[in-house]
Amino acid sequence: MNGNVGVNVVLIVAALMLTAFIIWYFFAPRKAAQVGSKGGVQIAHIVVKGGYTPQVVEVHAGEPVRLEFERQEDGECSSHVVFSDLGIDRMLPAYETTSVEFTPERPGDLPYACGMNMLHGMVKVLPANR
């Protein structure tokens, strides 16, 4: 009987560890990617394949931004990217790169999502470079 108790304890500990890993994997804060700059435009390349990579991009307020979405899939969910705060809904053709351009006026977060609101990303707008 004591052998069964030991096995049960091991299984419970393993299940708790697996649950903790899954929670960390999906909900841990993501490190923000820095953007490059070319000709006064902040440029970030974002791969669309089962999600957005990188998921978080940092830019500076008052400077033009170009987000280049490279869609590497053809599922319906990722066929659009929507920036509801900016009024942008852009179609992303499968296996192509599509640019979304805007100039953030003030610091803050600009969330974006796929047309079905299942994939999510974030543009973190930092204070202007002075």
N, C-alpha and C. Protein backbone atom coordinates (compact mmCIF):
# COMPACT_ATOMS: atom_id res chain seq x y z
N MET A 1 0.81 -1.18 0.00
CA MET A 1 0.00 0.00 0.00
C MET A 1 0.86 1.26 0.00
N ASN A 2 1.99 1.28 0.73
CA ASN A 2 2.87 2.44 0.76
C ASN A 2 3.47 2.74 -0.61
N GLY A 3 3.65 1.70 -1.45
CA GLY A 3 4.17 1.91 -2.81
C GLY A 3 3.22 2.74 -3.64
N ASN A 4 1.90 2.51 -3.49
CA ASN A 4 0.91 3.28 -4.23
C ASN A 4 0.89 4.74 -3.79
N VAL A 5 1.09 4.99 -2.51
CA VAL A 5 1.12 6.37 -2.01
C VAL A 5 2.30 7.11 -2.62
N GLY A 6 3.46 6.47 -2.69
CA GLY A 6 4.65 7.09 -3.28
C GLY A 6 4.45 7.43 -4.75
N VAL A 7 3.84 6.52 -5.49
CA VAL A 7 3.56 6.76 -6.92
C VAL A 7 2.58 7.91 -7.06
N ASN A 8 1.56 7.94 -6.23
CA ASN A 8 0.58 9.04 -6.29
C ASN A 8 1.22 10.39 -6.00
N VAL A 9 2.11 10.45 -5.03
CA VAL A 9 2.80 11.70 -4.70
C VAL A 9 3.65 12.15 -5.88
N VAL A 10 4.36 11.22 -6.51
CA VAL A 10 5.20 11.56 -7.67
C VAL A 10 4.32 12.09 -8.81
N LEU A 11 3.20 11.44 -9.07
CA LEU A 11 2.30 11.89 -10.13
C LEU A 11 1.72 13.27 -9.83
N ILE A 12 1.36 13.52 -8.59
CA ILE A 12 0.81 14.84 -8.22
C ILE A 12 1.87 15.93 -8.38
N VAL A 13 3.08 15.66 -7.95
CA VAL A 13 4.17 16.63 -8.09
C VAL A 13 4.45 16.89 -9.57
N ALA A 14 4.49 15.84 -10.38
CA ALA A 14 4.73 16.00 -11.82
C ALA A 14 3.62 16.82 -12.47
N ALA A 15 2.36 16.56 -12.08
CA ALA A 15 1.24 17.32 -12.63
C ALA A 15 1.31 18.78 -12.24
N LEU A 16 1.69 19.07 -11.01
CA LEU A 16 1.84 20.46 -10.56
C LEU A 16 2.95 21.18 -11.32
N MET A 17 4.06 20.48 -11.53
CA MET A 17 5.17 21.08 -12.27
C MET A 17 4.77 21.36 -13.72
N LEU A 18 4.07 20.44 -14.35
CA LEU A 18 3.61 20.64 -15.72
C LEU A 18 2.63 21.81 -15.80
N THR A 19 1.72 21.89 -14.85
CA THR A 19 0.76 22.99 -14.81
C THR A 19 1.48 24.33 -14.64
N ALA A 20 2.46 24.39 -13.76
CA ALA A 20 3.22 25.63 -13.55
C ALA A 20 3.96 26.03 -14.82
N PHE A 21 4.54 25.06 -15.52
CA PHE A 21 5.25 25.36 -16.77
C PHE A 21 4.29 25.92 -17.81
N ILE A 22 3.13 25.31 -17.96
CA ILE A 22 2.15 25.78 -18.95
C ILE A 22 1.69 27.20 -18.63
N ILE A 23 1.42 27.47 -17.37
CA ILE A 23 1.02 28.83 -16.96
C ILE A 23 2.13 29.82 -17.27
N TRP A 24 3.36 29.48 -16.94
CA TRP A 24 4.50 30.37 -17.22
C TRP A 24 4.64 30.59 -18.72
N TYR A 25 4.56 29.54 -19.51
CA TYR A 25 4.77 29.63 -20.95
C TYR A 25 3.76 30.58 -21.61
N PHE A 26 2.50 30.49 -21.20
CA PHE A 26 1.47 31.29 -21.86
C PHE A 26 1.26 32.67 -21.25
N PHE A 27 1.59 32.85 -19.97
CA PHE A 27 1.26 34.10 -19.30
C PHE A 27 2.44 34.90 -18.80
N ALA A 28 3.65 34.41 -18.94
CA ALA A 28 4.83 35.16 -18.48
C ALA A 28 4.99 36.42 -19.33
N PRO A 29 5.47 37.51 -18.74
CA PRO A 29 5.69 38.73 -19.53
C PRO A 29 6.68 38.46 -20.66
N ARG A 30 6.40 39.01 -21.81
CA ARG A 30 7.27 38.85 -22.97
C ARG A 30 8.25 40.00 -23.04
N LYS A 31 9.47 39.70 -23.42
CA LYS A 31 10.47 40.73 -23.59
C LYS A 31 10.16 41.50 -24.87
N ALA A 32 10.22 42.81 -24.80
CA ALA A 32 9.92 43.64 -25.96
C ALA A 32 11.10 43.68 -26.90
N ALA A 33 10.81 43.62 -28.19
CA ALA A 33 11.84 43.72 -29.21
C ALA A 33 12.08 45.19 -29.55
N GLN A 34 13.32 45.55 -29.73
CA GLN A 34 13.68 46.90 -30.14
C GLN A 34 13.54 47.00 -31.66
N VAL A 35 13.18 48.16 -32.14
CA VAL A 35 13.02 48.35 -33.58
C VAL A 35 14.30 48.94 -34.16
N GLY A 36 14.46 48.74 -35.47
CA GLY A 36 15.54 49.39 -36.18
C GLY A 36 15.03 50.71 -36.73
N SER A 37 15.92 51.51 -37.27
CA SER A 37 15.52 52.79 -37.82
C SER A 37 16.19 52.98 -39.17
N LYS A 38 15.42 53.48 -40.13
CA LYS A 38 15.96 53.74 -41.46
C LYS A 38 15.27 54.97 -42.02
N GLY A 39 16.04 56.00 -42.32
CA GLY A 39 15.49 57.22 -42.88
C GLY A 39 14.49 57.90 -41.98
N GLY A 40 14.68 57.82 -40.67
CA GLY A 40 13.79 58.47 -39.72
C GLY A 40 12.52 57.69 -39.42
N VAL A 41 12.43 56.45 -39.93
CA VAL A 41 11.26 55.60 -39.69
C VAL A 41 11.68 54.42 -38.82
N GLN A 42 10.93 54.18 -37.74
CA GLN A 42 11.17 53.03 -36.88
C GLN A 42 10.56 51.81 -37.57
N ILE A 43 11.36 50.75 -37.77
CA ILE A 43 10.90 49.58 -38.52
C ILE A 43 11.04 48.33 -37.67
N ALA A 44 9.95 47.55 -37.62
CA ALA A 44 9.97 46.26 -36.94
C ALA A 44 9.42 45.20 -37.87
N HIS A 45 10.08 44.05 -37.90
CA HIS A 45 9.64 42.91 -38.71
C HIS A 45 8.94 41.92 -37.78
N ILE A 46 7.70 41.58 -38.10
CA ILE A 46 6.90 40.69 -37.26
C ILE A 46 6.45 39.49 -38.10
N VAL A 47 6.82 38.30 -37.65
CA VAL A 47 6.41 37.07 -38.34
C VAL A 47 5.05 36.64 -37.80
N VAL A 48 4.14 36.32 -38.73
CA VAL A 48 2.81 35.86 -38.37
C VAL A 48 2.73 34.37 -38.70
N LYS A 49 2.77 33.55 -37.67
CA LYS A 49 2.68 32.10 -37.85
C LYS A 49 2.24 31.49 -36.52
N GLY A 50 0.94 31.33 -36.37
CA GLY A 50 0.40 30.81 -35.12
C GLY A 50 0.45 31.83 -34.00
N GLY A 51 0.81 33.04 -34.30
CA GLY A 51 0.96 34.13 -33.35
C GLY A 51 1.82 35.20 -33.99
N TYR A 52 2.22 36.17 -33.20
CA TYR A 52 3.08 37.25 -33.68
C TYR A 52 4.45 37.13 -33.00
N THR A 53 5.51 37.14 -33.80
CA THR A 53 6.87 37.06 -33.27
C THR A 53 7.71 38.17 -33.86
N PRO A 54 8.18 39.10 -33.05
CA PRO A 54 7.99 39.22 -31.61
C PRO A 54 6.56 39.66 -31.30
N GLN A 55 6.14 39.34 -30.10
CA GLN A 55 4.78 39.67 -29.67
C GLN A 55 4.69 41.10 -29.16
N VAL A 56 5.80 41.64 -28.65
CA VAL A 56 5.83 43.00 -28.11
C VAL A 56 6.96 43.77 -28.79
N VAL A 57 6.65 44.96 -29.28
CA VAL A 57 7.62 45.82 -29.96
C VAL A 57 7.62 47.17 -29.26
N GLU A 58 8.82 47.73 -29.03
CA GLU A 58 8.93 49.06 -28.42
C GLU A 58 9.31 50.08 -29.48
N VAL A 59 8.58 51.20 -29.49
CA VAL A 59 8.86 52.32 -30.39
C VAL A 59 8.83 53.59 -29.57
N HIS A 60 9.20 54.71 -30.20
CA HIS A 60 9.18 56.01 -29.52
C HIS A 60 8.08 56.90 -30.11
N ALA A 61 7.43 57.63 -29.24
CA ALA A 61 6.37 58.55 -29.65
C ALA A 61 6.92 59.63 -30.56
N GLY A 62 6.06 60.11 -31.46
CA GLY A 62 6.40 61.23 -32.33
C GLY A 62 7.25 60.87 -33.53
N GLU A 63 7.60 59.60 -33.70
CA GLU A 63 8.41 59.16 -34.84
C GLU A 63 7.60 58.15 -35.66
N PRO A 64 7.64 58.25 -36.99
CA PRO A 64 6.89 57.29 -37.82
C PRO A 64 7.33 55.85 -37.55
N VAL A 65 6.36 54.94 -37.64
CA VAL A 65 6.60 53.51 -37.40
C VAL A 65 6.12 52.73 -38.61
N ARG A 66 6.92 51.75 -39.02
CA ARG A 66 6.50 50.80 -40.05
C ARG A 66 6.64 49.40 -39.47
N LEU A 67 5.51 48.71 -39.33
CA LEU A 67 5.52 47.32 -38.89
C LEU A 67 5.35 46.46 -40.13
N GLU A 68 6.32 45.60 -40.37
CA GLU A 68 6.29 44.72 -41.54
C GLU A 68 5.83 43.34 -41.08
N PHE A 69 4.59 42.99 -41.40
CA PHE A 69 4.01 41.71 -41.01
C PHE A 69 4.27 40.69 -42.11
N GLU A 70 5.11 39.70 -41.81
CA GLU A 70 5.41 38.62 -42.76
C GLU A 70 4.53 37.43 -42.39
N ARG A 71 3.49 37.21 -43.16
CA ARG A 71 2.54 36.13 -42.85
C ARG A 71 3.02 34.84 -43.49
N GLN A 72 3.35 33.86 -42.66
CA GLN A 72 3.89 32.57 -43.11
C GLN A 72 2.87 31.45 -42.98
N GLU A 73 1.60 31.76 -43.17
CA GLU A 73 0.53 30.78 -43.08
C GLU A 73 -0.66 31.27 -43.88
N ASP A 74 -1.66 30.39 -44.02
CA ASP A 74 -2.83 30.79 -44.80
C ASP A 74 -4.16 30.58 -44.08
N GLY A 75 -4.13 30.40 -42.76
CA GLY A 75 -5.37 30.25 -42.00
C GLY A 75 -6.18 31.53 -41.96
N GLU A 76 -7.47 31.41 -41.81
CA GLU A 76 -8.36 32.58 -41.82
C GLU A 76 -8.10 33.52 -40.65
N CYS A 77 -7.73 32.98 -39.51
CA CYS A 77 -7.57 33.80 -38.30
C CYS A 77 -6.57 34.94 -38.51
N SER A 78 -5.46 34.65 -39.15
CA SER A 78 -4.40 35.66 -39.27
C SER A 78 -4.48 36.46 -40.57
N SER A 79 -5.62 36.42 -41.24
CA SER A 79 -5.75 37.11 -42.53
C SER A 79 -5.87 38.63 -42.39
N HIS A 80 -6.08 39.13 -41.18
CA HIS A 80 -6.16 40.57 -40.92
C HIS A 80 -5.39 40.89 -39.65
N VAL A 81 -4.89 42.11 -39.57
CA VAL A 81 -4.37 42.62 -38.31
C VAL A 81 -5.15 43.90 -38.01
N VAL A 82 -5.61 44.00 -36.76
CA VAL A 82 -6.49 45.10 -36.37
C VAL A 82 -5.87 45.87 -35.21
N PHE A 83 -5.67 47.18 -35.42
CA PHE A 83 -5.26 48.11 -34.37
C PHE A 83 -6.50 48.94 -34.06
N SER A 84 -7.31 48.48 -33.13
CA SER A 84 -8.59 49.15 -32.88
C SER A 84 -8.41 50.59 -32.39
N ASP A 85 -7.35 50.85 -31.59
CA ASP A 85 -7.12 52.21 -31.09
C ASP A 85 -6.75 53.19 -32.20
N LEU A 86 -6.22 52.67 -33.30
CA LEU A 86 -5.79 53.53 -34.41
C LEU A 86 -6.77 53.48 -35.58
N GLY A 87 -7.80 52.63 -35.49
CA GLY A 87 -8.75 52.50 -36.59
C GLY A 87 -8.14 51.82 -37.81
N ILE A 88 -7.16 50.94 -37.60
CA ILE A 88 -6.50 50.25 -38.71
C ILE A 88 -6.95 48.80 -38.74
N ASP A 89 -7.41 48.35 -39.90
CA ASP A 89 -7.74 46.94 -40.16
C ASP A 89 -7.11 46.61 -41.50
N ARG A 90 -5.98 45.93 -41.46
CA ARG A 90 -5.22 45.67 -42.68
C ARG A 90 -5.25 44.19 -43.03
N MET A 91 -5.55 43.89 -44.28
CA MET A 91 -5.52 42.50 -44.77
C MET A 91 -4.06 42.06 -44.91
N LEU A 92 -3.77 40.83 -44.47
CA LEU A 92 -2.44 40.27 -44.58
C LEU A 92 -2.50 39.06 -45.52
N PRO A 93 -2.16 39.24 -46.80
CA PRO A 93 -2.20 38.11 -47.73
C PRO A 93 -1.23 37.00 -47.30
N ALA A 94 -1.65 35.76 -47.51
CA ALA A 94 -0.84 34.61 -47.12
C ALA A 94 0.51 34.62 -47.85
N TYR A 95 1.57 34.31 -47.11
CA TYR A 95 2.93 34.18 -47.62
C TYR A 95 3.46 35.45 -48.28
N GLU A 96 3.02 36.59 -47.76
CA GLU A 96 3.50 37.89 -48.22
C GLU A 96 3.82 38.76 -47.02
N THR A 97 4.55 39.85 -47.28
CA THR A 97 4.85 40.83 -46.24
C THR A 97 4.04 42.09 -46.50
N THR A 98 3.34 42.56 -45.47
CA THR A 98 2.49 43.73 -45.57
C THR A 98 2.92 44.75 -44.53
N SER A 99 3.06 46.00 -44.94
CA SER A 99 3.47 47.07 -44.02
C SER A 99 2.25 47.79 -43.45
N VAL A 100 2.35 48.12 -42.17
CA VAL A 100 1.36 48.96 -41.49
C VAL A 100 2.14 50.15 -40.95
N GLU A 101 1.74 51.36 -41.34
CA GLU A 101 2.48 52.56 -40.95
C GLU A 101 1.58 53.51 -40.16
N PHE A 102 2.17 54.11 -39.14
CA PHE A 102 1.47 55.09 -38.32
C PHE A 102 2.52 55.86 -37.51
N THR A 103 2.11 56.97 -36.92
CA THR A 103 2.98 57.74 -36.04
C THR A 103 2.30 57.85 -34.69
N PRO A 104 2.83 57.16 -33.67
CA PRO A 104 2.23 57.27 -32.34
C PRO A 104 2.51 58.65 -31.74
N GLU A 105 1.49 59.29 -31.25
CA GLU A 105 1.62 60.66 -30.74
C GLU A 105 2.06 60.73 -29.28
N ARG A 106 1.68 59.74 -28.48
CA ARG A 106 1.99 59.79 -27.04
C ARG A 106 2.36 58.40 -26.54
N PRO A 107 3.11 58.35 -25.43
CA PRO A 107 3.48 57.05 -24.84
C PRO A 107 2.24 56.27 -24.39
N GLY A 108 2.38 54.96 -24.40
CA GLY A 108 1.29 54.08 -23.96
C GLY A 108 1.36 52.77 -24.72
N ASP A 109 0.35 51.95 -24.54
CA ASP A 109 0.28 50.65 -25.20
C ASP A 109 -0.73 50.70 -26.34
N LEU A 110 -0.33 50.13 -27.48
CA LEU A 110 -1.22 50.00 -28.63
C LEU A 110 -1.37 48.51 -28.93
N PRO A 111 -2.42 47.89 -28.41
CA PRO A 111 -2.62 46.47 -28.67
C PRO A 111 -3.10 46.25 -30.10
N TYR A 112 -2.78 45.07 -30.64
CA TYR A 112 -3.32 44.68 -31.93
C TYR A 112 -3.66 43.20 -31.88
N ALA A 113 -4.52 42.77 -32.79
CA ALA A 113 -5.00 41.39 -32.80
C ALA A 113 -5.34 40.99 -34.22
N CYS A 114 -5.53 39.69 -34.39
CA CYS A 114 -5.99 39.20 -35.68
C CYS A 114 -7.47 39.55 -35.83
N GLY A 115 -8.01 39.35 -37.01
CA GLY A 115 -9.41 39.69 -37.26
C GLY A 115 -10.38 38.93 -36.39
N MET A 116 -9.99 37.74 -35.90
CA MET A 116 -10.86 36.94 -35.03
C MET A 116 -10.55 37.16 -33.56
N ASN A 117 -9.62 38.05 -33.26
CA ASN A 117 -9.23 38.42 -31.90
C ASN A 117 -8.68 37.23 -31.10
N MET A 118 -7.98 36.32 -31.80
CA MET A 118 -7.38 35.17 -31.12
C MET A 118 -5.87 35.32 -30.96
N LEU A 119 -5.22 36.01 -31.88
CA LEU A 119 -3.79 36.27 -31.80
C LEU A 119 -3.62 37.71 -31.34
N HIS A 120 -2.68 37.94 -30.42
CA HIS A 120 -2.53 39.27 -29.85
C HIS A 120 -1.07 39.71 -29.84
N GLY A 121 -0.87 41.00 -30.06
CA GLY A 121 0.45 41.61 -29.98
C GLY A 121 0.32 42.98 -29.34
N MET A 122 1.46 43.62 -29.11
CA MET A 122 1.46 44.92 -28.44
C MET A 122 2.59 45.78 -28.98
N VAL A 123 2.28 47.04 -29.24
CA VAL A 123 3.29 48.05 -29.52
C VAL A 123 3.35 48.93 -28.28
N LYS A 124 4.50 48.92 -27.62
CA LYS A 124 4.70 49.76 -26.43
C LYS A 124 5.37 51.05 -26.92
N VAL A 125 4.66 52.15 -26.73
CA VAL A 125 5.16 53.46 -27.18
C VAL A 125 5.85 54.12 -26.00
N LEU A 126 7.14 54.35 -26.14
CA LEU A 126 7.96 55.00 -25.11
C LEU A 126 7.98 56.50 -25.36
N PRO A 127 8.41 57.29 -24.37
CA PRO A 127 8.52 58.74 -24.59
C PRO A 127 9.44 59.04 -25.78
N ALA A 128 9.21 60.18 -26.39
CA ALA A 128 9.99 60.59 -27.56
C ALA A 128 11.47 60.70 -27.23
N ASN A 129 12.29 60.36 -28.23
CA ASN A 129 13.74 60.60 -28.12
C ASN A 129 13.98 62.09 -28.29
N ARG A 130 14.64 62.69 -27.36
CA ARG A 130 14.89 64.14 -27.47
C ARG A 130 16.36 64.38 -27.51
